[in-house]
Protein backbone atom coordinates (compact mmCIF):
# COMPACT_ATOMS: atom_id res chain seq x y z
CA MET A 1 67.97 78.27 190.79
CA ALA A 2 67.95 80.35 187.64
CA VAL A 3 69.72 79.39 184.45
CA THR A 4 72.67 81.41 183.22
CA ILE A 5 72.99 82.50 179.62
CA LYS A 6 76.50 82.43 178.25
CA GLU A 7 78.17 83.41 175.02
CA ILE A 8 80.11 80.54 173.47
CA SER A 9 82.41 80.07 170.50
CA GLY A 10 82.20 77.38 167.88
CA ALA A 11 85.05 75.54 169.58
CA GLU A 12 83.00 75.17 172.78
CA ILE A 13 79.69 73.94 171.36
CA ASP A 14 80.43 70.22 171.07
CA GLY A 15 81.52 69.93 174.69
CA LEU A 16 78.58 71.98 175.90
CA ILE A 17 75.84 70.05 174.09
CA ALA A 18 77.31 66.60 174.87
CA THR A 19 75.35 66.13 178.09
CA GLY A 20 72.19 67.58 179.51
CA LYS A 21 69.64 69.94 178.03
CA VAL A 22 71.07 72.87 176.09
CA LEU A 23 69.30 75.56 174.08
CA VAL A 24 71.61 77.26 171.59
CA ASP A 25 70.64 80.60 170.07
CA PHE A 26 72.42 81.31 166.77
CA TYR A 27 72.15 85.10 166.56
CA SER A 28 73.66 88.20 164.99
CA LYS A 29 74.54 91.36 166.89
CA THR A 30 72.99 93.47 164.12
CA CYS A 31 69.66 91.60 164.02
CA GLY A 32 66.61 93.27 165.59
CA PRO A 33 64.60 90.05 166.11
CA CYS A 34 67.71 88.46 167.65
CA LYS A 35 67.86 91.25 170.23
CA MET A 36 64.17 90.81 171.06
CA LEU A 37 64.68 87.05 171.40
CA GLY A 38 67.47 87.79 173.88
CA PHE A 39 64.92 89.40 176.21
CA VAL A 40 62.64 86.36 175.90
CA LEU A 41 65.54 84.01 176.73
CA LYS A 42 66.49 86.10 179.77
CA ASP A 43 62.90 85.82 181.00
CA ILE A 44 62.91 82.04 180.47
CA ALA A 45 66.26 81.71 182.26
CA LYS A 46 64.82 83.29 185.41
CA GLY A 47 62.21 80.62 185.94
CA ILE A 48 63.65 77.30 184.81
CA ASP A 49 66.18 74.77 186.09
CA GLY A 50 68.11 71.97 184.42
CA LEU A 51 68.79 73.80 181.17
CA GLU A 52 71.78 75.62 179.76
CA ILE A 53 71.25 78.51 177.35
CA ALA A 54 74.10 79.41 175.03
CA LEU A 55 74.45 82.23 172.52
CA LEU A 56 76.55 81.67 169.42
CA ASP A 57 77.38 84.63 167.18
CA TYR A 58 76.37 83.63 163.64
CA ASP A 59 78.77 86.06 161.97
CA ALA A 60 81.83 85.10 164.05
CA ASN A 61 81.36 81.31 163.82
CA LYS A 62 80.69 80.54 160.15
CA GLU A 63 82.22 77.05 160.31
CA THR A 64 79.97 76.04 163.22
CA VAL A 65 76.93 77.59 161.52
CA GLU A 66 77.61 75.45 158.45
CA LYS A 67 78.29 72.34 160.54
CA PHE A 68 74.83 72.58 162.13
CA GLY A 69 73.09 73.60 158.90
CA VAL A 70 71.88 76.92 160.26
CA THR A 71 70.68 79.05 157.35
CA GLY A 72 69.52 82.22 159.08
CA TYR A 73 69.15 84.00 162.37
CA PRO A 74 67.81 83.87 164.93
CA THR A 75 67.76 80.08 165.02
CA LEU A 76 67.17 78.13 168.23
CA ILE A 77 68.35 74.54 168.47
CA PHE A 78 67.45 72.44 171.50
CA PHE A 79 69.83 69.58 172.31
CA ASN A 80 69.38 66.78 174.82
CA ASP A 81 72.48 64.71 175.61
CA GLY A 82 74.16 65.69 172.35
CA GLN A 83 71.17 64.97 170.10
CA GLU A 84 69.22 67.68 168.32
CA VAL A 85 65.62 67.50 169.52
CA GLU A 86 64.09 70.48 167.75
CA ARG A 87 64.96 73.69 165.93
CA MET A 88 63.05 76.89 165.27
CA LYS A 89 63.84 79.82 163.03
CA GLY A 90 62.87 83.41 163.67
CA LEU A 91 61.64 85.29 166.70
CA GLN A 92 59.70 82.97 169.02
CA GLN A 93 57.52 83.78 172.00
CA LYS A 94 58.10 82.41 175.50
CA PRO A 95 55.28 79.78 175.48
CA VAL A 96 56.54 78.32 172.19
CA ILE A 97 60.11 78.03 173.53
CA LEU A 98 58.92 76.51 176.81
CA ARG A 99 56.97 73.89 174.86
CA MET A 100 60.08 73.23 172.74
CA ILE A 101 62.24 72.50 175.78
CA GLY A 102 59.52 70.55 177.57
CA ALA A 103 59.14 72.98 180.48
């Protein structure tokens, strides 16, 4: 079964990352590399199970961005049961992201 990618708000992030494996993409709608990363994430979502992928708009969620110490976009943060496992800044390729999430 494929993974769904959903847009979340800052208010939803704590509940979402509390359990399971979650990859959060902090992005901006005006960012070219962010848009390209979106295509990579859609490709990853087609072939993997047991992971949630969430998109959080950097510009619309400044408080959450500060809370997680995100300093630029795109930034990917991988959480497992509420704990940050790894983070990457910038456009990443599919094999690098798969390695990050242990797929």
